[in-house]
Amino acid sequence: MSQRREVEARLALFDELSGILGAMRSFALAELRKVGKREAGQQLVVESLLAALHDLSGALPEAFYADTAKSRADIWLLFGSVRGFCGSFNEDVLRFWQGAAELEAPLILVGERLHCLFDGHESAVFLDGAEGGLDAPAAIDRILAALAELRGDGDYGLMVCIRDEQGARSQRLWPLPPTACGSVPLELPLTYQRPAAVAMGVAEQYLFHMLLALMLRAIRVENHMRLMQMETALRHLERGGEDLQRQRNRLRQEEIVEEIELMVGRR
């Protein structure tokens, strides 16, 4: 009897865990769908800003382009996750940074789970990440403020490291890559303010929205990995629950046999 009760207690625990994991899976699936839709719209914004940068490229200083700024140092920005249960998402980002960047380069880590894994230099900046698409713009504002503080009066580039469908990778956002604007148009568009001021504003907007697009992509991949992990855990619990149910039934049958034997023996 005591063994069967122990099995039933484990079954109750499995049911409770299945309920929790099911709720987490539903949340990840809902967030995945919402972020996927928002990411598509954000990509259109980035494309529009790239077209505007192309039109205004003749008014941008040469220092805005990567091929004219080879000697400047880079600030590395790492996108991690706020929540766990997303496989090797954060480990992949950190591992890529360790192999690709100079370990003493200025560093910004976004995402509380990534903070827990980091044991590098003390000058790293730790920022809260975004749980979903709704709070992603606020996270980008925090990143831009940290970038401004790190740059100071110096001239730094910006490398972003994210985890996407193909794995961890890096992308240069600043200075602008030479291909970002294409060939310089022969004439500048008519603008209310000076073209140089408008071009600077468009470049700033491009940086903000490109960072937002990359963060949304990272959040989408994070939730996809979380969804896969939740489904794997649920399948494991389901198989374990079936084994426990068979064990409980067998123990109950043994108890029934013992009860019958006792009843027959009393006669």
C-alpha atoms as a PDB file:
ATOM      1  CA  MET A   1       0.000   0.000   0.000  1.00  0.00           C
ATOM      2  CA  SER A   2       2.743   2.468   0.926  1.00  0.00           C
ATOM      3  CA  GLN A   3       4.555   1.809  -2.365  1.00  0.00           C
ATOM      4  CA  ARG A   4       1.383   2.455  -4.376  1.00  0.00           C
ATOM      5  CA  ARG A   5       0.772   5.706  -2.482  1.00  0.00           C
ATOM      6  CA  GLU A   6       4.295   6.795  -3.282  1.00  0.00           C
ATOM      7  CA  VAL A   7       3.666   6.092  -6.963  1.00  0.00           C
ATOM      8  CA  GLU A   8       0.377   8.017  -6.835  1.00  0.00           C
ATOM      9  CA  ALA A   9       2.151  10.959  -5.197  1.00  0.00           C
ATOM     10  CA  ARG A  10       4.689  10.973  -8.019  1.00  0.00           C
ATOM     11  CA  LEU A  11       1.854  10.803 -10.539  1.00  0.00           C
ATOM     12  CA  ALA A  12       0.223  13.840  -8.928  1.00  0.00           C
ATOM     13  CA  LEU A  13       3.562  15.676  -9.142  1.00  0.00           C
ATOM     14  CA  PHE A  14       3.888  14.731 -12.812  1.00  0.00           C
ATOM     15  CA  ASP A  15       0.390  16.091 -13.482  1.00  0.00           C
ATOM     16  CA  GLU A  16       1.242  19.353 -11.739  1.00  0.00           C
ATOM     17  CA  LEU A  17       4.497  19.698 -13.677  1.00  0.00           C
ATOM     18  CA  SER A  18       2.697  18.938 -16.923  1.00  0.00           C
ATOM     19  CA  GLY A  19       0.237  21.731 -16.195  1.00  0.00           C
ATOM     20  CA  ILE A  20       3.038  24.211 -15.505  1.00  0.00           C
ATOM     21  CA  LEU A  21       5.007  23.208 -18.593  1.00  0.00           C
ATOM     22  CA  GLY A  22       1.857  23.314 -20.707  1.00  0.00           C
ATOM     23  CA  ALA A  23       1.198  26.889 -19.589  1.00  0.00           C
ATOM     24  CA  MET A  24       4.804  27.850 -20.348  1.00  0.00           C
ATOM     25  CA  ARG A  25       4.554  26.241 -23.780  1.00  0.00           C
ATOM     26  CA  SER A  26       1.343  28.158 -24.532  1.00  0.00           C
ATOM     27  CA  PHE A  27       2.966  31.415 -23.442  1.00  0.00           C
ATOM     28  CA  ALA A  28       6.021  30.750 -25.634  1.00  0.00           C
ATOM     29  CA  LEU A  29       3.807  29.889 -28.607  1.00  0.00           C
ATOM     30  CA  ALA A  30       1.711  33.046 -28.181  1.00  0.00           C
ATOM     31  CA  GLU A  31       4.814  35.227 -27.836  1.00  0.00           C
ATOM     32  CA  LEU A  32       6.379  33.530 -30.853  1.00  0.00           C
ATOM     33  CA  ARG A  33       3.397  34.421 -33.012  1.00  0.00           C
ATOM     34  CA  LYS A  34       3.201  38.015 -31.761  1.00  0.00           C
ATOM     35  CA  VAL A  35       6.919  38.662 -32.194  1.00  0.00           C
ATOM     36  CA  GLY A  36       6.895  37.036 -35.637  1.00  0.00           C
ATOM     37  CA  LYS A  37       4.242  39.478 -36.868  1.00  0.00           C
ATOM     38  CA  ARG A  38       5.980  42.459 -35.301  1.00  0.00           C
ATOM     39  CA  GLU A  39       9.348  41.402 -36.704  1.00  0.00           C
ATOM     40  CA  ALA A  40       7.957  41.391 -40.232  1.00  0.00           C
ATOM     41  CA  GLY A  41       6.660  44.951 -39.814  1.00  0.00           C
ATOM     42  CA  GLN A  42       9.934  46.057 -38.231  1.00  0.00           C
ATOM     43  CA  GLN A  43      11.878  44.733 -41.196  1.00  0.00           C
ATOM     44  CA  LEU A  44       9.819  46.953 -43.494  1.00  0.00           C
ATOM     45  CA  VAL A  45      10.725  49.958 -41.316  1.00  0.00           C
ATOM     46  CA  VAL A  46      14.427  49.091 -41.602  1.00  0.00           C
ATOM     47  CA  GLU A  47      14.155  48.780 -45.383  1.00  0.00           C
ATOM     48  CA  SER A  48      12.470  52.191 -45.595  1.00  0.00           C
ATOM     49  CA  LEU A  49      15.221  53.764 -43.501  1.00  0.00           C
ATOM     50  CA  LEU A  50      17.885  52.135 -45.683  1.00  0.00           C
ATOM     51  CA  ALA A  51      16.227  53.662 -48.742  1.00  0.00           C
ATOM     52  CA  ALA A  52      16.218  57.072 -47.036  1.00  0.00           C
ATOM     53  CA  LEU A  53      19.884  56.645 -46.110  1.00  0.00           C
ATOM     54  CA  HIS A  54      20.643  55.874 -49.729  1.00  0.00           C
ATOM     55  CA  ASP A  55      18.946  59.077 -50.864  1.00  0.00           C
ATOM     56  CA  LEU A  56      20.807  61.131 -48.239  1.00  0.00           C
ATOM     57  CA  SER A  57      24.138  59.315 -48.374  1.00  0.00           C
ATOM     58  CA  GLY A  58      25.821  62.240 -50.090  1.00  0.00           C
ATOM     59  CA  ALA A  59      25.177  64.383 -46.989  1.00  0.00           C
ATOM     60  CA  LEU A  60      26.651  61.879 -44.488  1.00  0.00           C
ATOM     61  CA  PRO A  61      30.234  62.302 -43.234  1.00  0.00           C
ATOM     62  CA  GLU A  62      32.740  59.750 -44.494  1.00  0.00           C
ATOM     63  CA  ALA A  63      33.360  58.650 -40.899  1.00  0.00           C
ATOM     64  CA  PHE A  64      29.911  57.060 -40.892  1.00  0.00           C
ATOM     65  CA  TYR A  65      31.151  54.259 -43.142  1.00  0.00           C
ATOM     66  CA  ALA A  66      33.133  51.229 -42.047  1.00  0.00           C
ATOM     67  CA  ASP A  67      35.788  51.340 -44.773  1.00  0.00           C
ATOM     68  CA  THR A  68      36.919  54.801 -43.602  1.00  0.00           C
ATOM     69  CA  ALA A  69      37.158  53.821 -39.922  1.00  0.00           C
ATOM     70  CA  LYS A  70      39.231  50.638 -39.799  1.00  0.00           C
ATOM     71  CA  SER A  71      41.293  51.753 -36.821  1.00  0.00           C
ATOM     72  CA  ARG A  72      38.443  52.497 -34.410  1.00  0.00           C
ATOM     73  CA  ALA A  73      37.702  50.137 -31.518  1.00  0.00           C
ATOM     74  CA  ASP A  74      34.462  48.189 -31.307  1.00  0.00           C
ATOM     75  CA  ILE A  75      31.824  48.043 -28.583  1.00  0.00           C
ATOM     76  CA  TRP A  76      30.278  44.575 -28.441  1.00  0.00           C
ATOM     77  CA  LEU A  77      26.579  44.220 -27.699  1.00  0.00           C
ATOM     78  CA  LEU A  78      25.352  40.750 -26.702  1.00  0.00           C
ATOM     79  CA  PHE A  79      21.649  39.893 -26.800  1.00  0.00           C
ATOM     80  CA  GLY A  80      20.693  37.268 -24.197  1.00  0.00           C
ATOM     81  CA  SER A  81      17.412  36.226 -22.632  1.00  0.00           C
ATOM     82  CA  VAL A  82      15.463  37.392 -19.596  1.00  0.00           C
ATOM     83  CA  ARG A  83      13.931  33.985 -18.863  1.00  0.00           C
ATOM     84  CA  GLY A  84      15.408  30.513 -18.906  1.00  0.00           C
ATOM     85  CA  PHE A  85      14.321  27.179 -20.413  1.00  0.00           C
ATOM     86  CA  CYS A  86      15.613  28.203 -23.838  1.00  0.00           C
ATOM     87  CA  GLY A  87      18.312  25.576 -24.374  1.00  0.00           C
ATOM     88  CA  SER A  88      21.797  26.836 -25.194  1.00  0.00           C
ATOM     89  CA  PHE A  89      20.573  30.257 -26.361  1.00  0.00           C
ATOM     90  CA  ASN A  90      22.704  32.317 -23.956  1.00  0.00           C
ATOM     91  CA  GLU A  91      25.655  29.920 -23.968  1.00  0.00           C
ATOM     92  CA  ASP A  92      25.887  30.121 -27.771  1.00  0.00           C
ATOM     93  CA  VAL A  93      25.988  33.927 -27.717  1.00  0.00           C
ATOM     94  CA  LEU A  94      28.645  34.035 -25.019  1.00  0.00           C
ATOM     95  CA  ARG A  95      30.742  31.349 -26.718  1.00  0.00           C
ATOM     96  CA  PHE A  96      30.659  33.206 -30.031  1.00  0.00           C
ATOM     97  CA  TRP A  97      31.740  36.459 -28.381  1.00  0.00           C
ATOM     98  CA  GLN A  98      34.637  34.724 -26.642  1.00  0.00           C
ATOM     99  CA  GLY A  99      35.907  33.408 -29.963  1.00  0.00           C
ATOM    100  CA  ALA A 100      35.340  36.500 -32.096  1.00  0.00           C
ATOM    101  CA  ALA A 101      36.066  39.581 -29.976  1.00  0.00           C
ATOM    102  CA  GLU A 102      38.943  40.973 -28.016  1.00  0.00           C
ATOM    103  CA  LEU A 103      38.083  40.129 -24.424  1.00  0.00           C
ATOM    104  CA  GLU A 104      39.042  43.616 -23.220  1.00  0.00           C
ATOM    105  CA  ALA A 105      36.817  45.411 -25.725  1.00  0.00           C
ATOM    106  CA  PRO A 106      33.928  47.454 -24.277  1.00  0.00           C
ATOM    107  CA  LEU A 107      30.988  45.149 -23.689  1.00  0.00           C
ATOM    108  CA  ILE A 108      27.234  45.449 -23.091  1.00  0.00           C
ATOM    109  CA  LEU A 109      25.266  42.378 -22.009  1.00  0.00           C
ATOM    110  CA  VAL A 110      21.483  42.461 -22.374  1.00  0.00           C
ATOM    111  CA  GLY A 111      19.381  39.866 -20.551  1.00  0.00           C
ATOM    112  CA  GLU A 112      19.457  38.644 -16.967  1.00  0.00           C
ATOM    113  CA  ARG A 113      20.151  35.010 -17.885  1.00  0.00           C
ATOM    114  CA  LEU A 114      23.203  36.087 -19.862  1.00  0.00           C
ATOM    115  CA  HIS A 115      24.434  38.075 -16.863  1.00  0.00           C
ATOM    116  CA  CYS A 116      24.472  34.913 -14.740  1.00  0.00           C
ATOM    117  CA  LEU A 117      26.808  33.148 -17.185  1.00  0.00           C
ATOM    118  CA  PHE A 118      29.313  35.966 -17.579  1.00  0.00           C
ATOM    119  CA  ASP A 119      32.506  36.038 -15.524  1.00  0.00           C
ATOM    120  CA  GLY A 120      34.634  38.338 -17.669  1.00  0.00           C
ATOM    121  CA  HIS A 121      36.054  41.791 -17.070  1.00  0.00           C
ATOM    122  CA  GLU A 122      34.470  44.104 -14.527  1.00  0.00           C
ATOM    123  CA  SER A 123      33.943  46.973 -16.966  1.00  0.00           C
ATOM    124  CA  ALA A 124      31.085  45.183 -18.732  1.00  0.00           C
ATOM    125  CA  VAL A 125      27.703  46.928 -18.674  1.00  0.00           C
ATOM    126  CA  PHE A 126      24.715  44.821 -17.615  1.00  0.00           C
ATOM    127  CA  LEU A 127      21.286  45.851 -18.890  1.00  0.00           C
ATOM    128  CA  ASP A 128      17.831  44.395 -18.380  1.00  0.00           C
ATOM    129  CA  GLY A 129      16.519  42.649 -21.455  1.00  0.00           C
ATOM    130  CA  ALA A 130      13.041  42.375 -22.961  1.00  0.00           C
ATOM    131  CA  GLU A 131      10.639  39.534 -22.225  1.00  0.00           C
ATOM    132  CA  GLY A 132       8.668  40.176 -25.402  1.00  0.00           C
ATOM    133  CA  GLY A 133       8.054  42.535 -28.260  1.00  0.00           C
ATOM    134  CA  LEU A 134       6.098  45.063 -26.197  1.00  0.00           C
ATOM    135  CA  ASP A 135       8.987  46.024 -23.921  1.00  0.00           C
ATOM    136  CA  ALA A 136      11.683  45.709 -26.615  1.00  0.00           C
ATOM    137  CA  PRO A 137      11.701  49.462 -27.529  1.00  0.00           C
ATOM    138  CA  ALA A 138      12.364  50.372 -23.879  1.00  0.00           C
ATOM    139  CA  ALA A 139      15.281  47.937 -23.855  1.00  0.00           C
ATOM    140  CA  ILE A 140      16.691  49.595 -26.992  1.00  0.00           C
ATOM    141  CA  ASP A 141      16.493  53.001 -25.277  1.00  0.00           C
ATOM    142  CA  ARG A 142      18.569  51.590 -22.403  1.00  0.00           C
ATOM    143  CA  ILE A 143      21.085  50.198 -24.881  1.00  0.00           C
ATOM    144  CA  LEU A 144      21.460  53.513 -26.713  1.00  0.00           C
ATOM    145  CA  ALA A 145      21.978  55.346 -23.415  1.00  0.00           C
ATOM    146  CA  ALA A 146      24.683  52.864 -22.416  1.00  0.00           C
ATOM    147  CA  LEU A 147      26.324  53.194 -25.838  1.00  0.00           C
ATOM    148  CA  ALA A 148      26.424  56.980 -25.528  1.00  0.00           C
ATOM    149  CA  GLU A 149      28.046  56.677 -22.106  1.00  0.00           C
ATOM    150  CA  LEU A 150      30.633  54.164 -23.285  1.00  0.00           C
ATOM    151  CA  ARG A 151      31.541  56.143 -26.376  1.00  0.00           C
ATOM    152  CA  GLY A 152      32.007  59.427 -24.530  1.00  0.00           C
ATOM    153  CA  ASP A 153      34.265  61.586 -26.647  1.00  0.00           C
ATOM    154  CA  GLY A 154      35.817  58.539 -28.304  1.00  0.00           C
ATOM    155  CA  ASP A 155      35.030  57.057 -31.680  1.00  0.00           C
ATOM    156  CA  TYR A 156      33.826  53.468 -31.431  1.00  0.00           C
ATOM    157  CA  GLY A 157      32.188  50.983 -33.732  1.00  0.00           C
ATOM    158  CA  LEU A 158      29.320  48.715 -32.728  1.00  0.00           C
ATOM    159  CA  MET A 159      29.201  44.943 -33.170  1.00  0.00           C
ATOM    160  CA  VAL A 160      26.009  43.089 -32.217  1.00  0.00           C
ATOM    161  CA  CYS A 161      25.996  39.402 -31.337  1.00  0.00           C
ATOM    162  CA  ILE A 162      22.686  37.519 -31.467  1.00  0.00           C
ATOM    163  CA  ARG A 163      21.435  33.938 -31.694  1.00  0.00           C
ATOM    164  CA  ASP A 164      19.291  33.320 -34.762  1.00  0.00           C
ATOM    165  CA  GLU A 165      18.095  30.229 -36.660  1.00  0.00           C
ATOM    166  CA  GLN A 166      21.580  29.373 -37.939  1.00  0.00           C
ATOM    167  CA  GLY A 167      23.276  29.847 -34.571  1.00  0.00           C
ATOM    168  CA  ALA A 168      25.152  32.681 -32.915  1.00  0.00           C
ATOM    169  CA  ARG A 169      26.527  35.353 -35.236  1.00  0.00           C
ATOM    170  CA  SER A 170      27.692  38.951 -35.220  1.00  0.00           C
ATOM    171  CA  GLN A 171      26.719  41.948 -37.325  1.00  0.00           C
ATOM    172  CA  ARG A 172      28.311  45.349 -37.602  1.00  0.00           C
ATOM    173  CA  LEU A 173      25.863  48.219 -37.157  1.00  0.00           C
ATOM    174  CA  TRP A 174      28.193  51.162 -36.731  1.00  0.00           C
ATOM    175  CA  PRO A 175      29.933  52.601 -38.694  1.00  0.00           C
ATOM    176  CA  LEU A 176      27.518  51.907 -41.510  1.00  0.00           C
ATOM    177  CA  PRO A 177      28.759  49.229 -43.911  1.00  0.00           C
ATOM    178  CA  PRO A 178      29.591  50.657 -47.356  1.00  0.00           C
ATOM    179  CA  THR A 179      26.787  48.589 -48.908  1.00  0.00           C
ATOM    180  CA  ALA A 180      24.141  50.016 -46.557  1.00  0.00           C
ATOM    181  CA  CYS A 181      23.492  53.023 -48.761  1.00  0.00           C
ATOM    182  CA  GLY A 182      24.775  51.767 -52.098  1.00  0.00           C
ATOM    183  CA  SER A 183      26.122  54.193 -54.674  1.00  0.00           C
ATOM    184  CA  VAL A 184      25.820  57.869 -53.801  1.00  0.00           C
ATOM    185  CA  PRO A 185      22.985  59.596 -55.724  1.00  0.00           C
ATOM    186  CA  LEU A 186      24.001  62.486 -57.930  1.00  0.00           C
ATOM    187  CA  GLU A 187      21.518  64.863 -56.281  1.00  0.00           C
ATOM    188  CA  LEU A 188      20.227  65.200 -52.732  1.00  0.00           C
ATOM    189  CA  PRO A 189      16.461  65.238 -52.082  1.00  0.00           C
ATOM    190  CA  LEU A 190      14.784  68.503 -51.120  1.00  0.00           C
ATOM    191  CA  THR A 191      14.496  68.759 -47.319  1.00  0.00           C
ATOM    192  CA  TYR A 192      13.071  71.366 -44.974  1.00  0.00           C
ATOM    193  CA  GLN A 193      16.203  71.324 -42.817  1.00  0.00           C
ATOM    194  CA  ARG A 194      19.791  71.069 -43.979  1.00  0.00           C
ATOM    195  CA  PRO A 195      20.431  67.684 -45.674  1.00  0.00           C
ATOM    196  CA  ALA A 196      23.290  66.927 -43.276  1.00  0.00           C
ATOM    197  CA  ALA A 197      21.017  67.310 -40.220  1.00  0.00           C
ATOM    198  CA  VAL A 198      18.289  65.202 -41.826  1.00  0.00           C
ATOM    199  CA  ALA A 199      20.820  62.536 -42.799  1.00  0.00           C
ATOM    200  CA  MET A 200      22.142  62.407 -39.228  1.00  0.00           C
ATOM    201  CA  GLY A 201      18.603  61.974 -37.910  1.00  0.00           C
ATOM    202  CA  VAL A 202      17.869  59.186 -40.379  1.00  0.00           C
ATOM    203  CA  ALA A 203      21.114  57.439 -39.422  1.00  0.00           C
ATOM    204  CA  GLU A 204      20.137  57.582 -35.747  1.00  0.00           C
ATOM    205  CA  GLN A 205      16.697  56.196 -36.543  1.00  0.00           C
ATOM    206  CA  TYR A 206      18.307  53.445 -38.612  1.00  0.00           C
ATOM    207  CA  LEU A 207      20.487  52.442 -35.652  1.00  0.00           C
ATOM    208  CA  PHE A 208      17.489  52.348 -33.288  1.00  0.00           C
ATOM    209  CA  HIS A 209      15.250  50.345 -35.602  1.00  0.00           C
ATOM    210  CA  MET A 210      18.012  47.992 -36.714  1.00  0.00           C
ATOM    211  CA  LEU A 211      18.754  47.203 -33.064  1.00  0.00           C
ATOM    212  CA  LEU A 212      15.033  46.671 -32.490  1.00  0.00           C
ATOM    213  CA  ALA A 213      14.804  44.328 -35.498  1.00  0.00           C
ATOM    214  CA  LEU A 214      17.731  42.269 -34.203  1.00  0.00           C
ATOM    215  CA  MET A 215      16.261  42.109 -30.704  1.00  0.00           C
ATOM    216  CA  LEU A 216      12.896  40.955 -32.050  1.00  0.00           C
ATOM    217  CA  ARG A 217      14.654  38.260 -34.049  1.00  0.00           C
ATOM    218  CA  ALA A 218      16.548  37.127 -30.957  1.00  0.00           C
ATOM    219  CA  ILE A 219      13.318  37.050 -28.910  1.00  0.00           C
ATOM    220  CA  ARG A 220      11.592  35.014 -31.623  1.00  0.00           C
ATOM    221  CA  VAL A 221      14.414  32.455 -31.752  1.00  0.00           C
ATOM    222  CA  GLU A 222      14.569  32.360 -27.946  1.00  0.00           C
ATOM    223  CA  ASN A 223      10.845  31.548 -27.717  1.00  0.00           C
ATOM    224  CA  HIS A 224      11.130  28.965 -30.474  1.00  0.00           C
ATOM    225  CA  MET A 225      13.932  27.221 -28.567  1.00  0.00           C
ATOM    226  CA  ARG A 226      11.869  27.468 -25.375  1.00  0.00           C
ATOM    227  CA  LEU A 227       8.873  25.967 -27.171  1.00  0.00           C
ATOM    228  CA  MET A 228      10.983  23.036 -28.388  1.00  0.00           C
ATOM    229  CA  GLN A 229      12.374  22.461 -24.909  1.00  0.00           C
ATOM    230  CA  MET A 230       8.922  22.576 -23.322  1.00  0.00           C
ATOM    231  CA  GLU A 231       7.581  20.057 -25.829  1.00  0.00           C
ATOM    232  CA  THR A 232      10.525  17.742 -25.173  1.00  0.00           C
ATOM    233  CA  ALA A 233       9.970  18.018 -21.416  1.00  0.00           C
ATOM    234  CA  LEU A 234       6.237  17.349 -21.823  1.00  0.00           C
ATOM    235  CA  ARG A 235       6.911  14.243 -23.894  1.00  0.00           C
ATOM    236  CA  HIS A 236       9.334  13.048 -21.211  1.00  0.00           C
ATOM    237  CA  LEU A 237       6.736  13.632 -18.490  1.00  0.00           C
ATOM    238  CA  GLU A 238       4.095  11.873 -20.567  1.00  0.00           C
ATOM    239  CA  ARG A 239       6.271   8.794 -20.977  1.00  0.00           C
ATOM    240  CA  GLY A 240       7.184   8.868 -17.284  1.00  0.00           C
ATOM    241  CA  GLY A 241       3.522   9.238 -16.319  1.00  0.00           C
ATOM    242  CA  GLU A 242       2.543   6.254 -18.452  1.00  0.00           C
ATOM    243  CA  ASP A 243       5.233   4.148 -16.773  1.00  0.00           C
ATOM    244  CA  LEU A 244       4.010   5.226 -13.343  1.00  0.00           C
ATOM    245  CA  GLN A 245       0.405   4.434 -14.252  1.00  0.00           C
ATOM    246  CA  ARG A 246       1.401   0.933 -15.323  1.00  0.00           C
ATOM    247  CA  GLN A 247       3.370   0.535 -12.113  1.00  0.00           C
ATOM    248  CA  ARG A 248       0.393   1.757 -10.056  1.00  0.00           C
ATOM    249  CA  ASN A 249      -1.970  -0.633 -11.819  1.00  0.00           C
ATOM    250  CA  ARG A 250       0.395  -3.532 -11.239  1.00  0.00           C
ATOM    251  CA  LEU A 251       0.733  -2.689  -7.551  1.00  0.00           C
ATOM    252  CA  ARG A 252      -3.023  -2.360  -7.236  1.00  0.00           C
ATOM    253  CA  GLN A 253      -3.516  -5.752  -8.868  1.00  0.00           C
ATOM    254  CA  GLU A 254      -1.045  -7.283  -6.423  1.00  0.00           C
ATOM    255  CA  GLU A 255      -2.952  -5.703  -3.546  1.00  0.00           C
ATOM    256  CA  ILE A 256      -6.242  -7.102  -4.857  1.00  0.00           C
ATOM    257  CA  VAL A 257      -4.713 -10.567  -5.162  1.00  0.00           C
ATOM    258  CA  GLU A 258      -3.404 -10.351  -1.603  1.00  0.00           C
ATOM    259  CA  GLU A 259      -6.827  -9.245  -0.342  1.00  0.00           C
ATOM    260  CA  ILE A 260      -8.518 -12.163  -2.124  1.00  0.00           C
ATOM    261  CA  GLU A 261      -5.995 -14.609  -0.725  1.00  0.00           C
ATOM    262  CA  LEU A 262      -6.621 -13.258   2.767  1.00  0.00           C
ATOM    263  CA  MET A 263     -10.386 -13.578   2.332  1.00  0.00           C
ATOM    264  CA  VAL A 264     -10.069 -17.137   1.010  1.00  0.00           C
ATOM    265  CA  GLY A 265      -7.660 -18.059   3.794  1.00  0.00           C
ATOM    266  CA  ARG A 266     -10.084 -16.874   6.479  1.00  0.00           C
ATOM    267  CA  ARG A 267     -12.757 -19.255   5.180  1.00  0.00           C
END
